[in-house]
């Protein structure tokens, strides 16, 4: 079976964690570039790495609203990751099916998750 590494905790107050997430999603006002000039893929990687260390959501409803917001911005991989971390595999798969690249990898994803469960 796969081992899950313990999550590193930064111990930031929720308000600071939410500001970090908002800054990652914010546009650069001077240049007008989305996500502070970072690529969407790099921004998704940063979000997931940060969320692996911090859970800035007060409750499940807030977390779900944030995942829905991410999906509306096209961050299907990050939204899927959030749902998966909290056991909502149906929503995780729905997000993966909405992204063309993730959709191509869907069967590998399902096989990997099933193998991890054994």
PDB file of N, CA and C in Angstrom:
ATOM      1  N   UNK A   1       0.840  -1.198   0.000  1.00  0.00           N
ATOM      2  CA  UNK A   1       0.000   0.000   0.000  1.00  0.00           C
ATOM      3  C   UNK A   1       0.871   1.242   0.000  1.00  0.00           C
ATOM      4  N   UNK A   2       0.312   2.313  -0.536  1.00  0.00           N
ATOM      5  CA  UNK A   2       1.054   3.570  -0.598  1.00  0.00           C
ATOM      6  C   UNK A   2       1.044   4.232   0.770  1.00  0.00           C
ATOM      7  N   UNK A   3       2.150   4.833   1.098  1.00  0.00           N
ATOM      8  CA  UNK A   3       2.236   5.561   2.371  1.00  0.00           C
ATOM      9  C   UNK A   3       1.996   7.036   2.115  1.00  0.00           C
ATOM     10  N   UNK A   4       1.285   7.642   3.017  1.00  0.00           N
ATOM     11  CA  UNK A   4       1.030   9.069   2.920  1.00  0.00           C
ATOM     12  C   UNK A   4       1.997   9.784   3.852  1.00  0.00           C
ATOM     13  N   UNK A   5       2.762  10.699   3.288  1.00  0.00           N
ATOM     14  CA  UNK A   5       3.699  11.464   4.100  1.00  0.00           C
ATOM     15  C   UNK A   5       2.918  12.443   4.967  1.00  0.00           C
ATOM     16  N   UNK A   6       3.356  12.669   6.198  1.00  0.00           N
ATOM     17  CA  UNK A   6       2.662  13.635   7.039  1.00  0.00           C
ATOM     18  C   UNK A   6       2.732  15.017   6.407  1.00  0.00           C
ATOM     19  N   UNK A   7       1.636  15.755   6.540  1.00  0.00           N
ATOM     20  CA  UNK A   7       1.595  17.098   5.979  1.00  0.00           C
ATOM     21  C   UNK A   7       2.403  18.046   6.836  1.00  0.00           C
ATOM     22  N   UNK A   8       3.230  18.844   6.177  1.00  0.00           N
ATOM     23  CA  UNK A   8       3.943  19.908   6.883  1.00  0.00           C
ATOM     24  C   UNK A   8       2.923  21.004   7.168  1.00  0.00           C
ATOM     25  N   UNK A   9       2.941  21.536   8.341  1.00  0.00           N
ATOM     26  CA  UNK A   9       2.013  22.599   8.698  1.00  0.00           C
ATOM     27  C   UNK A   9       2.778  23.898   8.891  1.00  0.00           C
ATOM     28  N   UNK A  10       2.330  24.931   8.204  1.00  0.00           N
ATOM     29  CA  UNK A  10       2.959  26.237   8.357  1.00  0.00           C
ATOM     30  C   UNK A  10       2.432  26.962   9.584  1.00  0.00           C
ATOM     31  N   UNK A  11       1.221  26.634   9.993  1.00  0.00           N
ATOM     32  CA  UNK A  11       0.645  27.250  11.179  1.00  0.00           C
ATOM     33  C   UNK A  11       0.223  28.700  10.988  1.00  0.00           C
ATOM     34  N   UNK A  12      -0.101  29.073   9.750  1.00  0.00           N
ATOM     35  CA  UNK A  12      -0.530  30.445   9.483  1.00  0.00           C
ATOM     36  C   UNK A  12      -1.970  30.648   9.933  1.00  0.00           C
ATOM     37  N   UNK A  13      -2.287  31.852  10.390  1.00  0.00           N
ATOM     38  CA  UNK A  13      -3.698  32.143  10.668  1.00  0.00           C
ATOM     39  C   UNK A  13      -4.511  32.002   9.381  1.00  0.00           C
ATOM     40  N   UNK A  14      -5.771  31.628   9.507  1.00  0.00           N
ATOM     41  CA  UNK A  14      -6.624  31.437   8.331  1.00  0.00           C
ATOM     42  C   UNK A  14      -6.638  32.680   7.454  1.00  0.00           C
ATOM     43  N   UNK A  15      -6.709  33.853   8.049  1.00  0.00           N
ATOM     44  CA  UNK A  15      -6.763  35.086   7.251  1.00  0.00           C
ATOM     45  C   UNK A  15      -5.518  35.254   6.392  1.00  0.00           C
ATOM     46  N   UNK A  16      -4.351  34.894   6.909  1.00  0.00           N
ATOM     47  CA  UNK A  16      -3.107  34.992   6.145  1.00  0.00           C
ATOM     48  C   UNK A  16      -3.088  33.940   5.044  1.00  0.00           C
ATOM     49  N   UNK A  17      -3.517  32.731   5.360  1.00  0.00           N
ATOM     50  CA  UNK A  17      -3.575  31.666   4.359  1.00  0.00           C
ATOM     51  C   UNK A  17      -4.474  32.059   3.195  1.00  0.00           C
ATOM     52  N   UNK A  18      -5.630  32.636   3.504  1.00  0.00           N
ATOM     53  CA  UNK A  18      -6.551  33.064   2.446  1.00  0.00           C
ATOM     54  C   UNK A  18      -5.935  34.169   1.599  1.00  0.00           C
ATOM     55  N   UNK A  19      -5.166  35.071   2.212  1.00  0.00           N
ATOM     56  CA  UNK A  19      -4.486  36.125   1.439  1.00  0.00           C
ATOM     57  C   UNK A  19      -3.443  35.524   0.495  1.00  0.00           C
ATOM     58  N   UNK A  20      -2.724  34.514   0.952  1.00  0.00           N
ATOM     59  CA  UNK A  20      -1.741  33.844   0.095  1.00  0.00           C
ATOM     60  C   UNK A  20      -2.448  33.258  -1.123  1.00  0.00           C
ATOM     61  N   UNK A  21      -3.544  32.556  -0.895  1.00  0.00           N
ATOM     62  CA  UNK A  21      -4.294  31.936  -1.993  1.00  0.00           C
ATOM     63  C   UNK A  21      -4.822  33.013  -2.937  1.00  0.00           C
ATOM     64  N   UNK A  22      -5.384  34.084  -2.389  1.00  0.00           N
ATOM     65  CA  UNK A  22      -5.908  35.166  -3.234  1.00  0.00           C
ATOM     66  C   UNK A  22      -4.801  35.806  -4.061  1.00  0.00           C
ATOM     67  N   UNK A  23      -3.622  35.981  -3.465  1.00  0.00           N
ATOM     68  CA  UNK A  23      -2.503  36.558  -4.211  1.00  0.00           C
ATOM     69  C   UNK A  23      -2.055  35.644  -5.342  1.00  0.00           C
ATOM     70  N   UNK A  24      -2.116  34.338  -5.130  1.00  0.00           N
ATOM     71  CA  UNK A  24      -1.756  33.411  -6.198  1.00  0.00           C
ATOM     72  C   UNK A  24      -2.740  33.500  -7.364  1.00  0.00           C
ATOM     73  N   UNK A  25      -3.992  33.791  -7.067  1.00  0.00           N
ATOM     74  CA  UNK A  25      -5.015  33.863  -8.105  1.00  0.00           C
ATOM     75  C   UNK A  25      -5.171  35.253  -8.716  1.00  0.00           C
ATOM     76  N   UNK A  26      -4.576  36.260  -8.085  1.00  0.00           N
ATOM     77  CA  UNK A  26      -4.771  37.647  -8.513  1.00  0.00           C
ATOM     78  C   UNK A  26      -4.035  37.952  -9.813  1.00  0.00           C
ATOM     79  N   UNK A  27      -4.583  38.894 -10.544  1.00  0.00           N
ATOM     80  CA  UNK A  27      -3.928  39.410 -11.735  1.00  0.00           C
ATOM     81  C   UNK A  27      -2.951  40.494 -11.331  1.00  0.00           C
ATOM     82  N   UNK A  28      -1.902  40.649 -12.118  1.00  0.00           N
ATOM     83  CA  UNK A  28      -0.946  41.727 -11.909  1.00  0.00           C
ATOM     84  C   UNK A  28      -1.592  42.993 -12.462  1.00  0.00           C
ATOM     85  N   UNK A  29      -1.924  43.929 -11.595  1.00  0.00           N
ATOM     86  CA  UNK A  29      -2.663  45.114 -12.002  1.00  0.00           C
ATOM     87  C   UNK A  29      -1.875  45.993 -12.982  1.00  0.00           C
ATOM     88  N   UNK A  30      -0.566  46.062 -12.835  1.00  0.00           N
ATOM     89  CA  UNK A  30       0.236  46.900 -13.733  1.00  0.00           C
ATOM     90  C   UNK A  30       0.332  46.302 -15.128  1.00  0.00           C
ATOM     91  N   UNK A  31       0.653  45.029 -15.208  1.00  0.00           N
ATOM     92  CA  UNK A  31       0.847  44.410 -16.522  1.00  0.00           C
ATOM     93  C   UNK A  31      -0.450  43.841 -17.089  1.00  0.00           C
ATOM     94  N   UNK A  32      -1.440  43.631 -16.226  1.00  0.00           N
ATOM     95  CA  UNK A  32      -2.685  43.020 -16.658  1.00  0.00           C
ATOM     96  C   UNK A  32      -2.573  41.516 -16.862  1.00  0.00           C
ATOM     97  N   UNK A  33      -1.425  40.940 -16.499  1.00  0.00           N
ATOM     98  CA  UNK A  33      -1.232  39.506 -16.668  1.00  0.00           C
ATOM     99  C   UNK A  33      -1.973  38.743 -15.582  1.00  0.00           C
ATOM    100  N   UNK A  34      -2.607  37.680 -15.996  1.00  0.00           N
ATOM    101  CA  UNK A  34      -3.320  36.838 -15.034  1.00  0.00           C
ATOM    102  C   UNK A  34      -2.321  36.123 -14.142  1.00  0.00           C
ATOM    103  N   UNK A  35      -2.729  35.859 -12.925  1.00  0.00           N
ATOM    104  CA  UNK A  35      -1.977  35.075 -11.948  1.00  0.00           C
ATOM    105  C   UNK A  35      -0.581  35.661 -11.706  1.00  0.00           C
ATOM    106  N   UNK A  36      -0.491  36.987 -11.673  1.00  0.00           N
ATOM    107  CA  UNK A  36       0.780  37.646 -11.391  1.00  0.00           C
ATOM    108  C   UNK A  36       1.839  37.360 -12.444  1.00  0.00           C
ATOM    109  N   UNK A  37       1.426  37.035 -13.660  1.00  0.00           N
ATOM    110  CA  UNK A  37       2.367  36.765 -14.735  1.00  0.00           C
ATOM    111  C   UNK A  37       2.845  35.321 -14.778  1.00  0.00           C
ATOM    112  N   UNK A  38       2.382  34.494 -13.848  1.00  0.00           N
ATOM    113  CA  UNK A  38       2.764  33.077 -13.842  1.00  0.00           C
ATOM    114  C   UNK A  38       1.850  32.308 -14.796  1.00  0.00           C
ATOM    115  N   UNK A  39       2.331  31.203 -15.304  1.00  0.00           N
ATOM    116  CA  UNK A  39       1.474  30.356 -16.131  1.00  0.00           C
ATOM    117  C   UNK A  39       0.395  29.730 -15.250  1.00  0.00           C
ATOM    118  N   UNK A  40      -0.700  29.356 -15.888  1.00  0.00           N
ATOM    119  CA  UNK A  40      -1.782  28.708 -15.151  1.00  0.00           C
ATOM    120  C   UNK A  40      -1.284  27.408 -14.521  1.00  0.00           C
ATOM    121  N   UNK A  41      -0.496  26.648 -15.265  1.00  0.00           N
ATOM    122  CA  UNK A  41       0.017  25.377 -14.749  1.00  0.00           C
ATOM    123  C   UNK A  41       0.899  25.599 -13.523  1.00  0.00           C
ATOM    124  N   UNK A  42       1.781  26.589 -13.584  1.00  0.00           N
ATOM    125  CA  UNK A  42       2.659  26.868 -12.443  1.00  0.00           C
ATOM    126  C   UNK A  42       1.838  27.359 -11.251  1.00  0.00           C
ATOM    127  N   UNK A  43       0.837  28.176 -11.514  1.00  0.00           N
ATOM    128  CA  UNK A  43      -0.029  28.661 -10.435  1.00  0.00           C
ATOM    129  C   UNK A  43      -0.760  27.495  -9.782  1.00  0.00           C
ATOM    130  N   UNK A  44      -1.232  26.536 -10.586  1.00  0.00           N
ATOM    131  CA  UNK A  44      -1.890  25.352 -10.010  1.00  0.00           C
ATOM    132  C   UNK A  44      -0.928  24.571  -9.125  1.00  0.00           C
ATOM    133  N   UNK A  45       0.302  24.407  -9.582  1.00  0.00           N
ATOM    134  CA  UNK A  45       1.294  23.689  -8.780  1.00  0.00           C
ATOM    135  C   UNK A  45       1.547  24.406  -7.454  1.00  0.00           C
ATOM    136  N   UNK A  46       1.663  25.728  -7.502  1.00  0.00           N
ATOM    137  CA  UNK A  46       1.867  26.499  -6.271  1.00  0.00           C
ATOM    138  C   UNK A  46       0.682  26.354  -5.323  1.00  0.00           C
ATOM    139  N   UNK A  47      -0.524  26.439  -5.872  1.00  0.00           N
ATOM    140  CA  UNK A  47      -1.723  26.302  -5.038  1.00  0.00           C
ATOM    141  C   UNK A  47      -1.761  24.942  -4.339  1.00  0.00           C
ATOM    142  N   UNK A  48      -1.523  23.886  -5.094  1.00  0.00           N
ATOM    143  CA  UNK A  48      -1.574  22.556  -4.492  1.00  0.00           C
ATOM    144  C   UNK A  48      -0.494  22.405  -3.435  1.00  0.00           C
ATOM    145  N   UNK A  49       0.709  22.871  -3.720  1.00  0.00           N
ATOM    146  CA  UNK A  49       1.785  22.767  -2.721  1.00  0.00           C
ATOM    147  C   UNK A  49       1.446  23.553  -1.460  1.00  0.00           C
ATOM    148  N   UNK A  50       0.870  24.729  -1.627  1.00  0.00           N
ATOM    149  CA  UNK A  50       0.487  25.518  -0.452  1.00  0.00           C
ATOM    150  C   UNK A  50      -0.627  24.813   0.322  1.00  0.00           C
ATOM    151  N   UNK A  51      -1.643  24.317  -0.408  1.00  0.00           N
ATOM    152  CA  UNK A  51      -2.769  23.659   0.245  1.00  0.00           C
ATOM    153  C   UNK A  51      -2.375  22.335   0.890  1.00  0.00           C
ATOM    154  N   UNK A  52      -1.267  21.747   0.456  1.00  0.00           N
ATOM    155  CA  UNK A  52      -0.763  20.548   1.128  1.00  0.00           C
ATOM    156  C   UNK A  52      -0.266  20.897   2.532  1.00  0.00           C
ATOM    157  N   UNK A  53       0.149  22.143   2.712  1.00  0.00           N
ATOM    158  CA  UNK A  53       0.699  22.583   4.005  1.00  0.00           C
ATOM    159  C   UNK A  53      -0.319  23.310   4.864  1.00  0.00           C
ATOM    160  N   UNK A  54      -1.285  23.906   4.259  1.00  0.00           N
ATOM    161  CA  UNK A  54      -2.260  24.718   4.990  1.00  0.00           C
ATOM    162  C   UNK A  54      -3.665  24.401   4.510  1.00  0.00           C
ATOM    163  N   UNK A  55      -4.586  24.360   5.415  1.00  0.00           N
ATOM    164  CA  UNK A  55      -6.002  24.203   5.092  1.00  0.00           C
ATOM    165  C   UNK A  55      -6.692  25.488   5.542  1.00  0.00           C
ATOM    166  N   UNK A  56      -6.829  26.459   4.610  1.00  0.00           N
ATOM    167  CA  UNK A  56      -7.332  27.768   5.014  1.00  0.00           C
ATOM    168  C   UNK A  56      -8.850  27.874   5.108  1.00  0.00           C
ATOM    169  N   UNK A  57      -9.550  26.768   5.037  1.00  0.00           N
ATOM    170  CA  UNK A  57     -11.008  26.820   5.001  1.00  0.00           C
ATOM    171  C   UNK A  57     -11.599  26.548   6.367  1.00  0.00           C
ATOM    172  N   UNK A  58     -12.580  27.348   6.713  1.00  0.00           N
ATOM    173  CA  UNK A  58     -13.211  27.232   8.027  1.00  0.00           C
ATOM    174  C   UNK A  58     -14.111  26.005   8.117  1.00  0.00           C
ATOM    175  N   UNK A  59     -14.696  25.605   6.968  1.00  0.00           N
ATOM    176  CA  UNK A  59     -15.597  24.459   6.968  1.00  0.00           C
ATOM    177  C   UNK A  59     -15.706  23.892   5.556  1.00  0.00           C
ATOM    178  N   UNK A  60     -16.453  22.807   5.437  1.00  0.00           N
ATOM    179  CA  UNK A  60     -16.589  22.119   4.152  1.00  0.00           C
ATOM    180  C   UNK A  60     -17.285  22.988   3.107  1.00  0.00           C
ATOM    181  N   UNK A  61     -18.263  23.792   3.535  1.00  0.00           N
ATOM    182  CA  UNK A  61     -18.963  24.660   2.589  1.00  0.00           C
ATOM    183  C   UNK A  61     -18.012  25.682   1.975  1.00  0.00           C
ATOM    184  N   UNK A  62     -17.162  26.273   2.804  1.00  0.00           N
ATOM    185  CA  UNK A  62     -16.197  27.252   2.302  1.00  0.00           C
ATOM    186  C   UNK A  62     -15.215  26.581   1.345  1.00  0.00           C
ATOM    187  N   UNK A  63     -14.772  25.390   1.698  1.00  0.00           N
ATOM    188  CA  UNK A  63     -13.847  24.636   0.848  1.00  0.00           C
ATOM    189  C   UNK A  63     -14.500  24.311  -0.495  1.00  0.00           C
ATOM    190  N   UNK A  64     -15.761  23.870  -0.480  1.00  0.00           N
ATOM    191  CA  UNK A  64     -16.466  23.538  -1.715  1.00  0.00           C
ATOM    192  C   UNK A  64     -16.674  24.773  -2.589  1.00  0.00           C
ATOM    193  N   UNK A  65     -17.011  25.907  -1.977  1.00  0.00           N
ATOM    194  CA  UNK A  65     -17.166  27.149  -2.744  1.00  0.00           C
ATOM    195  C   UNK A  65     -15.850  27.533  -3.414  1.00  0.00           C
ATOM    196  N   UNK A  66     -14.737  27.342  -2.688  1.00  0.00           N
ATOM    197  CA  UNK A  66     -13.438  27.663  -3.259  1.00  0.00           C
ATOM    198  C   UNK A  66     -13.106  26.726  -4.416  1.00  0.00           C
ATOM    199  N   UNK A  67     -13.377  25.434  -4.254  1.00  0.00           N
ATOM    200  CA  UNK A  67     -13.128  24.474  -5.335  1.00  0.00           C
ATOM    201  C   UNK A  67     -13.975  24.821  -6.557  1.00  0.00           C
ATOM    202  N   UNK A  68     -15.220  25.234  -6.351  1.00  0.00           N
ATOM    203  CA  UNK A  68     -16.082  25.645  -7.454  1.00  0.00           C
ATOM    204  C   UNK A  68     -15.519  26.891  -8.138  1.00  0.00           C
ATOM    205  N   UNK A  69     -14.999  27.816  -7.354  1.00  0.00           N
ATOM    206  CA  UNK A  69     -14.375  29.025  -7.919  1.00  0.00           C
ATOM    207  C   UNK A  69     -13.158  28.646  -8.767  1.00  0.00           C
ATOM    208  N   UNK A  70     -12.333  27.738  -8.234  1.00  0.00           N
ATOM    209  CA  UNK A  70     -11.165  27.294  -8.998  1.00  0.00           C
ATOM    210  C   UNK A  70     -11.595  26.675 -10.324  1.00  0.00           C
ATOM    211  N   UNK A  71     -12.621  25.834 -10.291  1.00  0.00           N
ATOM    212  CA  UNK A  71     -13.107  25.210 -11.522  1.00  0.00           C
ATOM    213  C   UNK A  71     -13.600  26.267 -12.502  1.00  0.00           C
ATOM    214  N   UNK A  72     -14.275  27.302 -11.998  1.00  0.00           N
ATOM    215  CA  UNK A  72     -14.779  28.356 -12.887  1.00  0.00           C
ATOM    216  C   UNK A  72     -13.635  29.135 -13.542  1.00  0.00           C
ATOM    217  N   UNK A  73     -12.460  29.139 -12.891  1.00  0.00           N
ATOM    218  CA  UNK A  73     -11.274  29.795 -13.454  1.00  0.00           C
ATOM    219  C   UNK A  73     -10.463  28.847 -14.342  1.00  0.00           C
ATOM    220  N   UNK A  74     -10.918  27.608 -14.443  1.00  0.00           N
ATOM    221  CA  UNK A  74     -10.217  26.626 -15.264  1.00  0.00           C
ATOM    222  C   UNK A  74      -9.146  25.850 -14.523  1.00  0.00           C
ATOM    223  N   UNK A  75      -9.104  25.970 -13.208  1.00  0.00           N
ATOM    224  CA  UNK A  75      -8.139  25.231 -12.384  1.00  0.00           C
ATOM    225  C   UNK A  75      -8.736  23.889 -11.974  1.00  0.00           C
ATOM    226  N   UNK A  76      -9.052  23.077 -12.971  1.00  0.00           N
ATOM    227  CA  UNK A  76      -9.716  21.805 -12.704  1.00  0.00           C
ATOM    228  C   UNK A  76      -8.833  20.841 -11.924  1.00  0.00           C
ATOM    229  N   UNK A  77      -7.543  20.859 -12.181  1.00  0.00           N
ATOM    230  CA  UNK A  77      -6.632  19.962 -11.467  1.00  0.00           C
ATOM    231  C   UNK A  77      -6.591  20.265  -9.982  1.00  0.00           C
ATOM    232  N   UNK A  78      -6.547  21.545  -9.636  1.00  0.00           N
ATOM    233  CA  UNK A  78      -6.512  21.936  -8.229  1.00  0.00           C
ATOM    234  C   UNK A  78      -7.854  21.655  -7.565  1.00  0.00           C
ATOM    235  N   UNK A  79      -8.938  21.967  -8.258  1.00  0.00           N
ATOM    236  CA  UNK A  79     -10.268  21.677  -7.706  1.00  0.00           C
ATOM    237  C   UNK A  79     -10.420  20.174  -7.480  1.00  0.00           C
ATOM    238  N   UNK A  80      -9.982  19.384  -8.455  1.00  0.00           N
ATOM    239  CA  UNK A  80     -10.043  17.931  -8.315  1.00  0.00           C
ATOM    240  C   UNK A  80      -9.230  17.467  -7.115  1.00  0.00           C
ATOM    241  N   UNK A  81      -8.050  18.031  -6.941  1.00  0.00           N
ATOM    242  CA  UNK A  81      -7.176  17.655  -5.816  1.00  0.00           C
ATOM    243  C   UNK A  81      -7.865  17.948  -4.484  1.00  0.00           C
ATOM    244  N   UNK A  82      -8.505  19.111  -4.388  1.00  0.00           N
ATOM    245  CA  UNK A  82      -9.200  19.476  -3.143  1.00  0.00           C
ATOM    246  C   UNK A  82     -10.307  18.469  -2.847  1.00  0.00           C
ATOM    247  N   UNK A  83     -11.125  18.190  -3.852  1.00  0.00           N
ATOM    248  CA  UNK A  83     -12.210  17.225  -3.641  1.00  0.00           C
ATOM    249  C   UNK A  83     -11.656  15.855  -3.242  1.00  0.00           C
ATOM    250  N   UNK A  84     -10.596  15.433  -3.921  1.00  0.00           N
ATOM    251  CA  UNK A  84     -10.014  14.126  -3.622  1.00  0.00           C
ATOM    252  C   UNK A  84      -9.490  14.054  -2.192  1.00  0.00           C
ATOM    253  N   UNK A  85      -8.846  15.119  -1.734  1.00  0.00           N
ATOM    254  CA  UNK A  85      -8.298  15.139  -0.380  1.00  0.00           C
ATOM    255  C   UNK A  85      -9.372  14.980   0.674  1.00  0.00           C
ATOM    256  N   UNK A  86     -10.597  15.346   0.331  1.00  0.00           N
ATOM    257  CA  UNK A  86     -11.694  15.289   1.297  1.00  0.00           C
ATOM    258  C   UNK A  86     -12.702  14.198   0.952  1.00  0.00           C
ATOM    259  N   UNK A  87     -12.260  13.238   0.104  1.00  0.00           N
ATOM    260  CA  UNK A  87     -13.048  12.043  -0.143  1.00  0.00           C
ATOM    261  C   UNK A  87     -14.198  12.178  -1.113  1.00  0.00           C
ATOM    262  N   UNK A  88     -14.301  13.289  -1.808  1.00  0.00           N
ATOM    263  CA  UNK A  88     -15.395  13.474  -2.757  1.00  0.00           C
ATOM    264  C   UNK A  88     -14.905  13.099  -4.155  1.00  0.00           C
ATOM    265  N   UNK A  89     -14.787  11.793  -4.397  1.00  0.00           N
ATOM    266  CA  UNK A  89     -14.220  11.308  -5.650  1.00  0.00           C
ATOM    267  C   UNK A  89     -15.111  11.614  -6.852  1.00  0.00           C
ATOM    268  N   UNK A  90     -16.404  11.694  -6.656  1.00  0.00           N
ATOM    269  CA  UNK A  90     -17.301  12.040  -7.763  1.00  0.00           C
ATOM    270  C   UNK A  90     -17.006  13.422  -8.303  1.00  0.00           C
ATOM    271  N   UNK A  91     -16.887  14.395  -7.403  1.00  0.00           N
ATOM    272  CA  UNK A  91     -16.574  15.762  -7.815  1.00  0.00           C
ATOM    273  C   UNK A  91     -15.165  15.838  -8.401  1.00  0.00           C
ATOM    274  N   UNK A  92     -14.229  15.076  -7.833  1.00  0.00           N
ATOM    275  CA  UNK A  92     -12.858  15.063  -8.348  1.00  0.00           C
ATOM    276  C   UNK A  92     -12.853  14.585  -9.794  1.00  0.00           C
ATOM    277  N   UNK A  93     -13.588  13.513 -10.076  1.00  0.00           N
ATOM    278  CA  UNK A  93     -13.663  13.001 -11.443  1.00  0.00           C
ATOM    279  C   UNK A  93     -14.367  13.981 -12.379  1.00  0.00           C
ATOM    280  N   UNK A  94     -15.431  14.618 -11.900  1.00  0.00           N
ATOM    281  CA  UNK A  94     -16.125  15.610 -12.721  1.00  0.00           C
ATOM    282  C   UNK A  94     -15.174  16.722 -13.155  1.00  0.00           C
ATOM    283  N   UNK A  95     -14.349  17.199 -12.235  1.00  0.00           N
ATOM    284  CA  UNK A  95     -13.389  18.256 -12.567  1.00  0.00           C
ATOM    285  C   UNK A  95     -12.377  17.760 -13.597  1.00  0.00           C
ATOM    286  N   UNK A  96     -11.904  16.546 -13.412  1.00  0.00           N
ATOM    287  CA  UNK A  96     -10.919  15.979 -14.352  1.00  0.00           C
ATOM    288  C   UNK A  96     -11.516  15.824 -15.750  1.00  0.00           C
ATOM    289  N   UNK A  97     -12.785  15.502 -15.833  1.00  0.00           N
ATOM    290  CA  UNK A  97     -13.422  15.335 -17.134  1.00  0.00           C
ATOM    291  C   UNK A  97     -13.615  16.657 -17.866  1.00  0.00           C
ATOM    292  N   UNK A  98     -13.626  17.761 -17.153  1.00  0.00           N
ATOM    293  CA  UNK A  98     -13.804  19.078 -17.774  1.00  0.00           C
ATOM    294  C   UNK A  98     -12.524  19.638 -18.380  1.00  0.00           C
ATOM    295  N   UNK A  99     -11.379  19.080 -18.012  1.00  0.00           N
ATOM    296  CA  UNK A  99     -10.086  19.552 -18.519  1.00  0.00           C
ATOM    297  C   UNK A  99      -9.597  18.580 -19.589  1.00  0.00           C
ATOM    298  N   UNK A 100      -9.268  19.083 -20.770  1.00  0.00           N
ATOM    299  CA  UNK A 100      -8.906  18.185 -21.876  1.00  0.00           C
ATOM    300  C   UNK A 100      -7.685  17.327 -21.558  1.00  0.00           C
ATOM    301  N   UNK A 101      -6.658  17.895 -20.945  1.00  0.00           N
ATOM    302  CA  UNK A 101      -5.459  17.117 -20.625  1.00  0.00           C
ATOM    303  C   UNK A 101      -5.753  16.089 -19.530  1.00  0.00           C
ATOM    304  N   UNK A 102      -6.449  16.511 -18.482  1.00  0.00           N
ATOM    305  CA  UNK A 102      -6.778  15.586 -17.398  1.00  0.00           C
ATOM    306  C   UNK A 102      -7.726  14.491 -17.882  1.00  0.00           C
ATOM    307  N   UNK A 103      -8.604  14.846 -18.810  1.00  0.00           N
ATOM    308  CA  UNK A 103      -9.545  13.851 -19.363  1.00  0.00           C
ATOM    309  C   UNK A 103      -8.785  12.740 -20.095  1.00  0.00           C
ATOM    310  N   UNK A 104      -7.700  13.111 -20.804  1.00  0.00           N
ATOM    311  CA  UNK A 104      -6.888  12.113 -21.510  1.00  0.00           C
ATOM    312  C   UNK A 104      -6.242  11.130 -20.538  1.00  0.00           C
ATOM    313  N   UNK A 105      -5.994  11.579 -19.307  1.00  0.00           N
ATOM    314  CA  UNK A 105      -5.305  10.759 -18.312  1.00  0.00           C
ATOM    315  C   UNK A 105      -6.264  10.100 -17.321  1.00  0.00           C
ATOM    316  N   UNK A 106      -7.570  10.161 -17.599  1.00  0.00           N
ATOM    317  CA  UNK A 106      -8.564   9.757 -16.604  1.00  0.00           C
ATOM    318  C   UNK A 106      -8.475   8.277 -16.245  1.00  0.00           C
ATOM    319  N   UNK A 107      -8.234   7.415 -17.222  1.00  0.00           N
ATOM    320  CA  UNK A 107      -8.188   5.985 -16.902  1.00  0.00           C
ATOM    321  C   UNK A 107      -6.963   5.642 -16.066  1.00  0.00           C
ATOM    322  N   UNK A 108      -5.835   6.278 -16.374  1.00  0.00           N
ATOM    323  CA  UNK A 108      -4.634   6.080 -15.555  1.00  0.00           C
ATOM    324  C   UNK A 108      -4.883   6.563 -14.124  1.00  0.00           C
ATOM    325  N   UNK A 109      -5.552   7.700 -13.996  1.00  0.00           N
ATOM    326  CA  UNK A 109      -5.901   8.251 -12.682  1.00  0.00           C
ATOM    327  C   UNK A 109      -6.762   7.264 -11.893  1.00  0.00           C
ATOM    328  N   UNK A 110      -7.801   6.717 -12.534  1.00  0.00           N
ATOM    329  CA  UNK A 110      -8.710   5.787 -11.849  1.00  0.00           C
ATOM    330  C   UNK A 110      -7.958   4.529 -11.431  1.00  0.00           C
ATOM    331  N   UNK A 111      -7.151   3.974 -12.330  1.00  0.00           N
ATOM    332  CA  UNK A 111      -6.387   2.753 -12.018  1.00  0.00           C
ATOM    333  C   UNK A 111      -5.438   3.007 -10.855  1.00  0.00           C
ATOM    334  N   UNK A 112      -4.768   4.157 -10.860  1.00  0.00           N
ATOM    335  CA  UNK A 112      -3.843   4.495  -9.777  1.00  0.00           C
ATOM    336  C   UNK A 112      -4.572   4.599  -8.449  1.00  0.00           C
ATOM    337  N   UNK A 113      -5.724   5.270  -8.424  1.00  0.00           N
ATOM    338  CA  UNK A 113      -6.485   5.426  -7.185  1.00  0.00           C
ATOM    339  C   UNK A 113      -6.990   4.076  -6.683  1.00  0.00           C
ATOM    340  N   UNK A 114      -7.435   3.224  -7.589  1.00  0.00           N
ATOM    341  CA  UNK A 114      -7.900   1.896  -7.172  1.00  0.00           C
ATOM    342  C   UNK A 114      -6.747   1.073  -6.610  1.00  0.00           C
ATOM    343  N   UNK A 115      -5.572   1.176  -7.222  1.00  0.00           N
ATOM    344  CA  UNK A 115      -4.409   0.428  -6.748  1.00  0.00           C
ATOM    345  C   UNK A 115      -3.984   0.918  -5.363  1.00  0.00           C
ATOM    346  N   UNK A 116      -4.094   2.234  -5.113  1.00  0.00           N
ATOM    347  CA  UNK A 116      -3.721   2.781  -3.817  1.00  0.00           C
ATOM    348  C   UNK A 116      -4.668   2.329  -2.727  1.00  0.00           C
ATOM    349  N   UNK A 117      -5.901   2.023  -3.103  1.00  0.00           N
ATOM    350  CA  UNK A 117      -6.906   1.597  -2.125  1.00  0.00           C
ATOM    351  C   UNK A 117      -6.742   0.169  -1.670  1.00  0.00           C
ATOM    352  N   UNK A 118      -5.939  -0.617  -2.372  1.00  0.00           N
ATOM    353  CA  UNK A 118      -5.747  -2.033  -2.006  1.00  0.00           C
ATOM    354  C   UNK A 118      -4.610  -2.214  -1.054  1.00  0.00           C
TER     355      UNK A 118
END
